[in-house]
């Protein structure tokens, strides 16, 4: 079984502005199904599309199965089957030898900046970048599926 071990953190907007950033990728991301036990997500960029199935979270871990699909199929799935959707820009940046993904949310989630790091084990050590602030790993308000139906602007 494929396992995702991920930690999430808020990003300090002022410090993030000072960072030299790599190219960004625009994501359109929708949820065909989502509850506390499982999520079926479709994600589309300008050049790629994926369907992802995730299980419930235990600690920092959950099962995850992700597959590349034709981009046109991804768009059709979003347009015809997604119950909710969000958009964001993603930056991939390496800090202290670890890959961080920083999401700058758009639309109703504008103003939210969140960083994620995927780990090999729940007890793996890593160094926090200076632009990272509060950990929000266990706070379901920050799950993308939740943000797609309860956006940041309404908090």
N, C-alpha and C. Protein backbone atom coordinates (compact mmCIF):
# COMPACT_ATOMS: atom_id res chain seq x y z
N UNK A 1 0.84 -1.18 0.00
CA UNK A 1 0.00 0.00 0.00
C UNK A 1 0.89 1.24 0.00
N UNK A 2 0.53 2.21 -0.81
CA UNK A 2 1.27 3.48 -0.87
C UNK A 2 0.87 4.35 0.32
N UNK A 3 1.87 4.88 1.02
CA UNK A 3 1.63 5.70 2.21
C UNK A 3 2.23 7.09 1.99
N UNK A 4 1.44 8.11 2.31
CA UNK A 4 1.90 9.50 2.30
C UNK A 4 2.11 9.91 3.75
N UNK A 5 3.31 10.42 4.05
CA UNK A 5 3.61 10.95 5.37
C UNK A 5 3.93 12.42 5.15
N UNK A 6 3.05 13.28 5.64
CA UNK A 6 3.11 14.70 5.29
C UNK A 6 2.87 15.57 6.52
N UNK A 7 3.62 16.66 6.60
CA UNK A 7 3.41 17.67 7.64
C UNK A 7 3.11 18.99 6.94
N UNK A 8 2.21 19.80 7.54
CA UNK A 8 1.78 21.08 6.96
C UNK A 8 2.04 22.21 7.94
N UNK A 9 2.43 23.36 7.36
CA UNK A 9 2.75 24.55 8.16
C UNK A 9 2.23 25.79 7.46
N UNK A 10 1.89 26.79 8.24
CA UNK A 10 1.57 28.09 7.68
C UNK A 10 2.87 28.79 7.30
N UNK A 11 2.77 29.74 6.39
CA UNK A 11 3.93 30.46 5.88
C UNK A 11 3.79 31.94 6.23
N UNK A 12 4.86 32.53 6.72
CA UNK A 12 4.91 33.96 7.02
C UNK A 12 4.97 34.72 5.70
N UNK A 13 3.96 35.51 5.42
CA UNK A 13 3.85 36.21 4.12
C UNK A 13 5.04 37.14 3.87
N UNK A 14 5.44 37.91 4.88
CA UNK A 14 6.54 38.87 4.69
C UNK A 14 7.85 38.15 4.41
N UNK A 15 8.14 37.11 5.17
CA UNK A 15 9.39 36.36 4.95
C UNK A 15 9.36 35.64 3.60
N UNK A 16 8.20 35.13 3.22
CA UNK A 16 8.07 34.44 1.93
C UNK A 16 8.34 35.40 0.77
N UNK A 17 7.96 36.66 0.92
CA UNK A 17 8.20 37.65 -0.13
C UNK A 17 9.69 37.84 -0.39
N UNK A 18 10.52 37.58 0.62
CA UNK A 18 11.97 37.77 0.50
C UNK A 18 12.67 36.58 -0.17
N UNK A 19 11.99 35.46 -0.32
CA UNK A 19 12.57 34.23 -0.85
C UNK A 19 12.65 34.30 -2.38
N UNK A 20 13.79 33.88 -2.92
CA UNK A 20 13.90 33.72 -4.36
C UNK A 20 13.15 32.44 -4.72
N UNK A 21 12.13 32.61 -5.52
CA UNK A 21 11.23 31.50 -5.78
C UNK A 21 11.51 30.84 -7.14
N UNK A 22 11.32 29.53 -7.18
CA UNK A 22 11.38 28.83 -8.46
C UNK A 22 10.11 29.09 -9.27
N UNK A 23 10.05 28.53 -10.45
CA UNK A 23 8.84 28.64 -11.26
C UNK A 23 7.66 28.05 -10.51
N UNK A 24 6.50 28.60 -10.76
CA UNK A 24 5.29 28.12 -10.11
C UNK A 24 4.48 27.26 -11.08
N UNK A 25 3.64 26.41 -10.51
CA UNK A 25 2.72 25.60 -11.28
C UNK A 25 1.31 25.93 -10.80
N UNK A 26 0.40 26.17 -11.73
CA UNK A 26 -0.99 26.45 -11.40
C UNK A 26 -1.75 25.13 -11.34
N UNK A 27 -2.49 24.94 -10.24
CA UNK A 27 -3.31 23.74 -10.06
C UNK A 27 -4.78 24.13 -10.02
N UNK A 28 -5.56 23.38 -10.74
CA UNK A 28 -7.01 23.37 -10.58
C UNK A 28 -7.29 22.00 -9.97
N UNK A 29 -7.95 21.99 -8.83
CA UNK A 29 -8.07 20.77 -8.05
C UNK A 29 -9.50 20.61 -7.57
N UNK A 30 -10.09 19.45 -7.85
CA UNK A 30 -11.48 19.23 -7.46
C UNK A 30 -11.66 17.89 -6.78
N UNK A 31 -12.75 17.79 -6.06
CA UNK A 31 -13.03 16.62 -5.24
C UNK A 31 -14.31 15.95 -5.72
N UNK A 32 -14.15 14.73 -6.20
CA UNK A 32 -15.29 13.93 -6.64
C UNK A 32 -16.03 13.38 -5.42
N UNK A 33 -15.24 13.03 -4.41
CA UNK A 33 -15.81 12.53 -3.16
C UNK A 33 -14.86 12.86 -2.02
N UNK A 34 -15.41 13.23 -0.87
CA UNK A 34 -14.56 13.51 0.28
C UNK A 34 -15.35 13.38 1.57
N UNK A 35 -14.86 12.53 2.46
CA UNK A 35 -15.36 12.48 3.83
C UNK A 35 -14.16 12.21 4.74
N UNK A 36 -14.39 11.94 6.02
CA UNK A 36 -13.28 11.78 6.95
C UNK A 36 -12.47 10.50 6.71
N UNK A 37 -12.99 9.56 5.94
CA UNK A 37 -12.30 8.29 5.72
C UNK A 37 -11.62 8.17 4.36
N UNK A 38 -12.08 8.95 3.37
CA UNK A 38 -11.49 8.83 2.03
C UNK A 38 -11.79 10.06 1.18
N UNK A 39 -10.89 10.27 0.23
CA UNK A 39 -11.02 11.40 -0.69
C UNK A 39 -10.64 10.94 -2.09
N UNK A 40 -11.42 11.35 -3.07
CA UNK A 40 -11.08 11.12 -4.48
C UNK A 40 -10.94 12.49 -5.12
N UNK A 41 -9.71 12.79 -5.56
CA UNK A 41 -9.37 14.12 -6.05
C UNK A 41 -8.87 14.04 -7.49
N UNK A 42 -9.17 15.08 -8.26
CA UNK A 42 -8.61 15.26 -9.61
C UNK A 42 -7.85 16.57 -9.60
N UNK A 43 -6.63 16.54 -10.13
CA UNK A 43 -5.78 17.74 -10.18
C UNK A 43 -5.29 17.92 -11.61
N UNK A 44 -5.40 19.17 -12.10
CA UNK A 44 -5.00 19.48 -13.47
C UNK A 44 -4.05 20.67 -13.47
N UNK A 45 -2.94 20.56 -14.22
CA UNK A 45 -2.05 21.69 -14.49
C UNK A 45 -2.19 22.00 -15.98
N UNK A 46 -1.33 22.88 -16.48
CA UNK A 46 -1.36 23.18 -17.91
C UNK A 46 -0.96 21.99 -18.77
N UNK A 47 -0.19 21.06 -18.19
CA UNK A 47 0.37 19.98 -19.00
C UNK A 47 0.10 18.58 -18.46
N UNK A 48 -0.45 18.46 -17.26
CA UNK A 48 -0.63 17.14 -16.65
C UNK A 48 -1.95 17.08 -15.89
N UNK A 49 -2.39 15.85 -15.63
CA UNK A 49 -3.57 15.63 -14.79
C UNK A 49 -3.37 14.34 -14.00
N UNK A 50 -3.98 14.31 -12.82
CA UNK A 50 -3.85 13.17 -11.92
C UNK A 50 -5.18 12.89 -11.26
N UNK A 51 -5.40 11.64 -10.96
CA UNK A 51 -6.50 11.26 -10.07
C UNK A 51 -5.83 10.64 -8.85
N UNK A 52 -6.30 11.05 -7.68
CA UNK A 52 -5.69 10.62 -6.43
C UNK A 52 -6.77 10.12 -5.48
N UNK A 53 -6.49 9.00 -4.85
CA UNK A 53 -7.39 8.43 -3.85
C UNK A 53 -6.61 8.39 -2.54
N UNK A 54 -7.15 9.02 -1.50
CA UNK A 54 -6.48 9.07 -0.20
C UNK A 54 -7.39 8.48 0.86
N UNK A 55 -6.77 7.77 1.82
CA UNK A 55 -7.50 7.21 2.95
C UNK A 55 -7.51 8.17 4.12
N UNK A 56 -8.00 7.71 5.24
CA UNK A 56 -8.06 8.54 6.44
C UNK A 56 -6.67 8.72 7.03
N UNK A 57 -6.48 9.81 7.74
CA UNK A 57 -5.19 10.15 8.33
C UNK A 57 -5.07 9.53 9.71
N UNK A 58 -3.90 8.94 9.97
CA UNK A 58 -3.56 8.43 11.30
C UNK A 58 -2.18 8.99 11.62
N UNK A 59 -2.10 9.86 12.61
CA UNK A 59 -0.83 10.55 12.88
C UNK A 59 -0.56 11.52 11.75
N UNK A 60 0.58 11.35 11.08
CA UNK A 60 0.93 12.17 9.91
C UNK A 60 0.78 11.38 8.62
N UNK A 61 0.24 10.16 8.69
CA UNK A 61 0.25 9.23 7.56
C UNK A 61 -1.15 8.90 7.07
N UNK A 62 -1.22 8.57 5.79
CA UNK A 62 -2.45 8.04 5.21
C UNK A 62 -2.11 7.33 3.91
N UNK A 63 -2.99 6.42 3.52
CA UNK A 63 -2.77 5.73 2.25
C UNK A 63 -3.06 6.71 1.12
N UNK A 64 -2.28 6.57 0.04
CA UNK A 64 -2.45 7.46 -1.11
C UNK A 64 -2.11 6.70 -2.38
N UNK A 65 -2.99 6.79 -3.35
CA UNK A 65 -2.78 6.21 -4.67
C UNK A 65 -3.00 7.32 -5.68
N UNK A 66 -1.96 7.61 -6.48
CA UNK A 66 -2.06 8.71 -7.45
C UNK A 66 -1.65 8.20 -8.82
N UNK A 67 -2.43 8.56 -9.84
CA UNK A 67 -2.21 8.07 -11.19
C UNK A 67 -2.33 9.22 -12.19
N UNK A 68 -1.42 9.24 -13.14
CA UNK A 68 -1.49 10.20 -14.23
C UNK A 68 -2.65 9.80 -15.15
N UNK A 69 -3.41 10.80 -15.57
CA UNK A 69 -4.49 10.58 -16.53
C UNK A 69 -4.33 11.61 -17.65
N UNK A 70 -4.94 11.40 -18.81
CA UNK A 70 -4.87 12.41 -19.86
C UNK A 70 -5.43 13.75 -19.37
N UNK A 71 -4.77 14.84 -19.72
CA UNK A 71 -5.17 16.17 -19.26
C UNK A 71 -6.62 16.48 -19.65
N UNK A 72 -7.01 16.15 -20.86
CA UNK A 72 -8.40 16.41 -21.29
C UNK A 72 -9.39 15.65 -20.42
N UNK A 73 -9.04 14.42 -20.01
CA UNK A 73 -9.92 13.66 -19.12
C UNK A 73 -10.02 14.34 -17.75
N UNK A 74 -8.88 14.84 -17.26
CA UNK A 74 -8.88 15.55 -15.98
C UNK A 74 -9.81 16.75 -16.00
N UNK A 75 -9.74 17.53 -17.07
CA UNK A 75 -10.61 18.71 -17.20
C UNK A 75 -12.07 18.28 -17.23
N UNK A 76 -12.38 17.23 -17.99
CA UNK A 76 -13.77 16.75 -18.06
C UNK A 76 -14.26 16.24 -16.71
N UNK A 77 -13.39 15.54 -15.98
CA UNK A 77 -13.77 15.06 -14.65
C UNK A 77 -14.07 16.24 -13.72
N UNK A 78 -13.21 17.26 -13.75
CA UNK A 78 -13.46 18.45 -12.92
C UNK A 78 -14.76 19.13 -13.32
N UNK A 79 -14.95 19.32 -14.62
CA UNK A 79 -16.13 20.04 -15.11
C UNK A 79 -17.44 19.30 -14.84
N UNK A 80 -17.40 17.96 -14.87
CA UNK A 80 -18.64 17.19 -14.82
C UNK A 80 -18.89 16.41 -13.53
N UNK A 81 -17.83 16.18 -12.71
CA UNK A 81 -18.01 15.31 -11.56
C UNK A 81 -17.54 15.89 -10.23
N UNK A 82 -16.77 16.96 -10.25
CA UNK A 82 -16.25 17.51 -8.99
C UNK A 82 -17.38 18.18 -8.20
N UNK A 83 -17.50 17.78 -6.94
CA UNK A 83 -18.49 18.37 -6.04
C UNK A 83 -18.00 19.71 -5.50
N UNK A 84 -16.67 19.88 -5.43
CA UNK A 84 -16.08 21.13 -4.97
C UNK A 84 -14.71 21.28 -5.60
N UNK A 85 -14.20 22.52 -5.58
CA UNK A 85 -12.95 22.78 -6.30
C UNK A 85 -12.21 23.95 -5.66
N UNK A 86 -10.88 23.98 -5.88
CA UNK A 86 -10.07 25.13 -5.50
C UNK A 86 -8.94 25.28 -6.50
N UNK A 87 -8.30 26.46 -6.45
CA UNK A 87 -7.15 26.73 -7.31
C UNK A 87 -6.02 27.28 -6.46
N UNK A 88 -4.80 27.00 -6.92
CA UNK A 88 -3.63 27.47 -6.20
C UNK A 88 -2.41 27.45 -7.10
N UNK A 89 -1.41 28.21 -6.68
CA UNK A 89 -0.08 28.14 -7.29
C UNK A 89 0.78 27.34 -6.35
N UNK A 90 1.63 26.48 -6.91
CA UNK A 90 2.54 25.68 -6.08
C UNK A 90 3.98 25.99 -6.48
N UNK A 91 4.78 26.20 -5.44
CA UNK A 91 6.22 26.39 -5.58
C UNK A 91 6.90 25.18 -4.96
N UNK A 92 7.88 24.60 -5.63
CA UNK A 92 8.69 23.52 -5.07
C UNK A 92 10.07 24.10 -4.77
N UNK A 93 10.45 24.06 -3.50
CA UNK A 93 11.69 24.69 -3.08
C UNK A 93 12.42 23.76 -2.11
N UNK A 94 13.71 23.63 -2.31
CA UNK A 94 14.52 22.79 -1.43
C UNK A 94 15.14 23.65 -0.33
N UNK A 95 15.02 23.14 0.90
CA UNK A 95 15.62 23.81 2.05
C UNK A 95 16.25 22.74 2.93
N UNK A 96 17.53 22.92 3.26
CA UNK A 96 18.28 21.99 4.11
C UNK A 96 18.13 20.55 3.62
N UNK A 97 18.19 20.38 2.31
CA UNK A 97 18.17 19.06 1.71
C UNK A 97 16.79 18.41 1.60
N UNK A 98 15.74 19.12 1.94
CA UNK A 98 14.38 18.57 1.87
C UNK A 98 13.52 19.40 0.91
N UNK A 99 12.67 18.71 0.18
CA UNK A 99 11.76 19.38 -0.74
C UNK A 99 10.53 19.86 0.01
N UNK A 100 10.24 21.15 -0.12
CA UNK A 100 9.05 21.77 0.44
C UNK A 100 8.16 22.20 -0.72
N UNK A 101 6.87 22.01 -0.56
CA UNK A 101 5.89 22.50 -1.53
C UNK A 101 5.08 23.60 -0.84
N UNK A 102 5.14 24.80 -1.41
CA UNK A 102 4.44 25.94 -0.85
C UNK A 102 3.28 26.28 -1.76
N UNK A 103 2.08 26.29 -1.18
CA UNK A 103 0.87 26.58 -1.94
C UNK A 103 0.37 27.98 -1.61
N UNK A 104 0.18 28.75 -2.67
CA UNK A 104 -0.43 30.08 -2.58
C UNK A 104 -1.84 29.93 -3.14
N UNK A 105 -2.82 29.99 -2.27
CA UNK A 105 -4.19 29.71 -2.67
C UNK A 105 -4.82 30.91 -3.36
N UNK A 106 -5.76 30.63 -4.25
CA UNK A 106 -6.45 31.64 -5.05
C UNK A 106 -7.93 31.64 -4.72
N UNK A 107 -8.66 32.55 -5.34
CA UNK A 107 -10.11 32.60 -5.19
C UNK A 107 -10.53 32.84 -3.76
N UNK A 108 -11.48 32.05 -3.27
CA UNK A 108 -12.01 32.21 -1.93
C UNK A 108 -11.01 31.85 -0.84
N UNK A 109 -9.88 31.27 -1.20
CA UNK A 109 -8.83 30.93 -0.24
C UNK A 109 -7.63 31.87 -0.36
N UNK A 110 -7.78 32.95 -1.14
CA UNK A 110 -6.71 33.94 -1.32
C UNK A 110 -6.25 34.46 0.04
N UNK A 111 -4.94 34.60 0.18
CA UNK A 111 -4.35 35.06 1.43
C UNK A 111 -3.78 33.94 2.26
N UNK A 112 -4.13 32.70 1.92
CA UNK A 112 -3.61 31.54 2.64
C UNK A 112 -2.35 31.04 1.94
N UNK A 113 -1.27 30.93 2.69
CA UNK A 113 -0.01 30.36 2.22
C UNK A 113 0.32 29.19 3.12
N UNK A 114 0.53 28.02 2.54
CA UNK A 114 0.79 26.83 3.34
C UNK A 114 1.95 26.04 2.72
N UNK A 115 2.82 25.50 3.59
CA UNK A 115 3.95 24.70 3.16
C UNK A 115 3.76 23.26 3.63
N UNK A 116 4.14 22.32 2.76
CA UNK A 116 4.06 20.90 3.09
C UNK A 116 5.41 20.26 2.87
N UNK A 117 5.70 19.25 3.67
CA UNK A 117 6.89 18.45 3.48
C UNK A 117 6.47 16.98 3.59
N UNK A 118 6.91 16.17 2.63
CA UNK A 118 6.65 14.73 2.69
C UNK A 118 7.89 14.06 3.25
N UNK A 119 7.64 13.10 4.14
CA UNK A 119 8.72 12.45 4.86
C UNK A 119 8.73 10.95 4.59
N UNK A 120 9.85 10.32 4.90
CA UNK A 120 9.96 8.87 4.75
C UNK A 120 9.43 8.11 5.95
N UNK A 121 9.37 8.77 7.11
CA UNK A 121 8.81 8.16 8.32
C UNK A 121 8.26 9.28 9.21
N UNK A 122 7.38 8.93 10.11
CA UNK A 122 6.77 9.94 10.97
C UNK A 122 7.77 10.59 11.91
N UNK A 123 8.86 9.88 12.24
CA UNK A 123 9.85 10.43 13.16
C UNK A 123 11.08 11.02 12.45
N UNK A 124 11.00 11.16 11.14
CA UNK A 124 12.11 11.75 10.38
C UNK A 124 12.32 13.20 10.80
N UNK A 125 13.57 13.55 11.04
CA UNK A 125 13.90 14.91 11.44
C UNK A 125 14.11 15.79 10.22
N UNK A 126 13.79 17.08 10.38
CA UNK A 126 13.99 18.05 9.30
C UNK A 126 14.11 19.43 9.93
N UNK A 127 14.71 20.33 9.17
CA UNK A 127 14.89 21.70 9.63
C UNK A 127 13.80 22.58 9.03
N UNK A 128 13.21 23.44 9.87
CA UNK A 128 12.17 24.35 9.38
C UNK A 128 12.81 25.54 8.68
N UNK A 129 12.31 25.89 7.50
CA UNK A 129 12.78 27.11 6.85
C UNK A 129 12.36 28.34 7.67
N UNK A 130 13.06 29.46 7.52
CA UNK A 130 12.72 30.65 8.29
C UNK A 130 11.35 31.23 7.95
N UNK A 131 10.79 30.89 6.81
CA UNK A 131 9.49 31.42 6.40
C UNK A 131 8.31 30.56 6.87
N UNK A 132 8.60 29.45 7.56
CA UNK A 132 7.56 28.57 8.09
C UNK A 132 7.20 29.01 9.50
N UNK A 133 5.90 28.97 9.82
CA UNK A 133 5.46 29.36 11.17
C UNK A 133 4.76 28.18 11.85
N UNK A 134 3.50 28.27 12.10
CA UNK A 134 2.73 27.32 12.89
C UNK A 134 2.45 26.02 12.13
N UNK A 135 2.63 24.90 12.82
CA UNK A 135 2.25 23.62 12.22
C UNK A 135 0.74 23.45 12.30
N UNK A 136 0.14 23.02 11.18
CA UNK A 136 -1.32 22.82 11.10
C UNK A 136 -1.67 21.41 10.61
N UNK A 137 -0.73 20.48 10.75
CA UNK A 137 -0.91 19.13 10.23
C UNK A 137 -2.22 18.50 10.68
N UNK A 138 -2.56 18.58 11.94
CA UNK A 138 -3.75 17.91 12.45
C UNK A 138 -5.02 18.73 12.38
N UNK A 139 -4.95 19.93 11.87
CA UNK A 139 -6.11 20.83 11.82
C UNK A 139 -6.84 20.64 10.50
N UNK A 140 -7.99 20.01 10.53
CA UNK A 140 -8.68 19.67 9.28
C UNK A 140 -9.18 20.88 8.50
N UNK A 141 -9.20 22.07 9.13
CA UNK A 141 -9.57 23.28 8.38
C UNK A 141 -8.60 23.52 7.22
N UNK A 142 -7.38 23.03 7.34
CA UNK A 142 -6.35 23.27 6.34
C UNK A 142 -6.23 22.14 5.31
N UNK A 143 -7.05 21.13 5.40
CA UNK A 143 -7.06 20.10 4.36
C UNK A 143 -7.62 20.74 3.10
N UNK A 144 -7.01 20.48 1.97
CA UNK A 144 -7.48 21.07 0.72
C UNK A 144 -8.93 20.71 0.43
N UNK A 145 -9.32 19.47 0.71
CA UNK A 145 -10.71 19.08 0.48
C UNK A 145 -11.66 19.94 1.31
N UNK A 146 -11.27 20.23 2.52
CA UNK A 146 -12.10 21.08 3.40
C UNK A 146 -12.12 22.52 2.90
N UNK A 147 -10.94 23.02 2.48
CA UNK A 147 -10.87 24.40 1.96
C UNK A 147 -11.74 24.58 0.72
N UNK A 148 -11.96 23.50 -0.02
CA UNK A 148 -12.77 23.60 -1.24
C UNK A 148 -14.25 23.82 -0.92
N UNK A 149 -14.69 23.51 0.30
CA UNK A 149 -16.09 23.72 0.69
C UNK A 149 -16.26 24.73 1.83
N UNK A 150 -15.21 24.94 2.60
CA UNK A 150 -15.20 25.93 3.69
C UNK A 150 -13.98 26.81 3.53
N UNK A 151 -14.03 27.75 2.58
CA UNK A 151 -12.84 28.52 2.22
C UNK A 151 -12.35 29.46 3.32
N UNK A 152 -11.09 29.77 3.20
CA UNK A 152 -10.36 30.63 4.13
C UNK A 152 -11.05 31.97 4.35
N UNK A 153 -11.65 32.55 3.32
CA UNK A 153 -12.28 33.88 3.43
C UNK A 153 -13.43 33.90 4.42
N UNK A 154 -14.01 32.75 4.73
CA UNK A 154 -15.16 32.66 5.62
C UNK A 154 -14.79 32.40 7.07
N UNK A 155 -13.52 32.31 7.40
CA UNK A 155 -13.13 31.99 8.79
C UNK A 155 -13.30 33.16 9.69
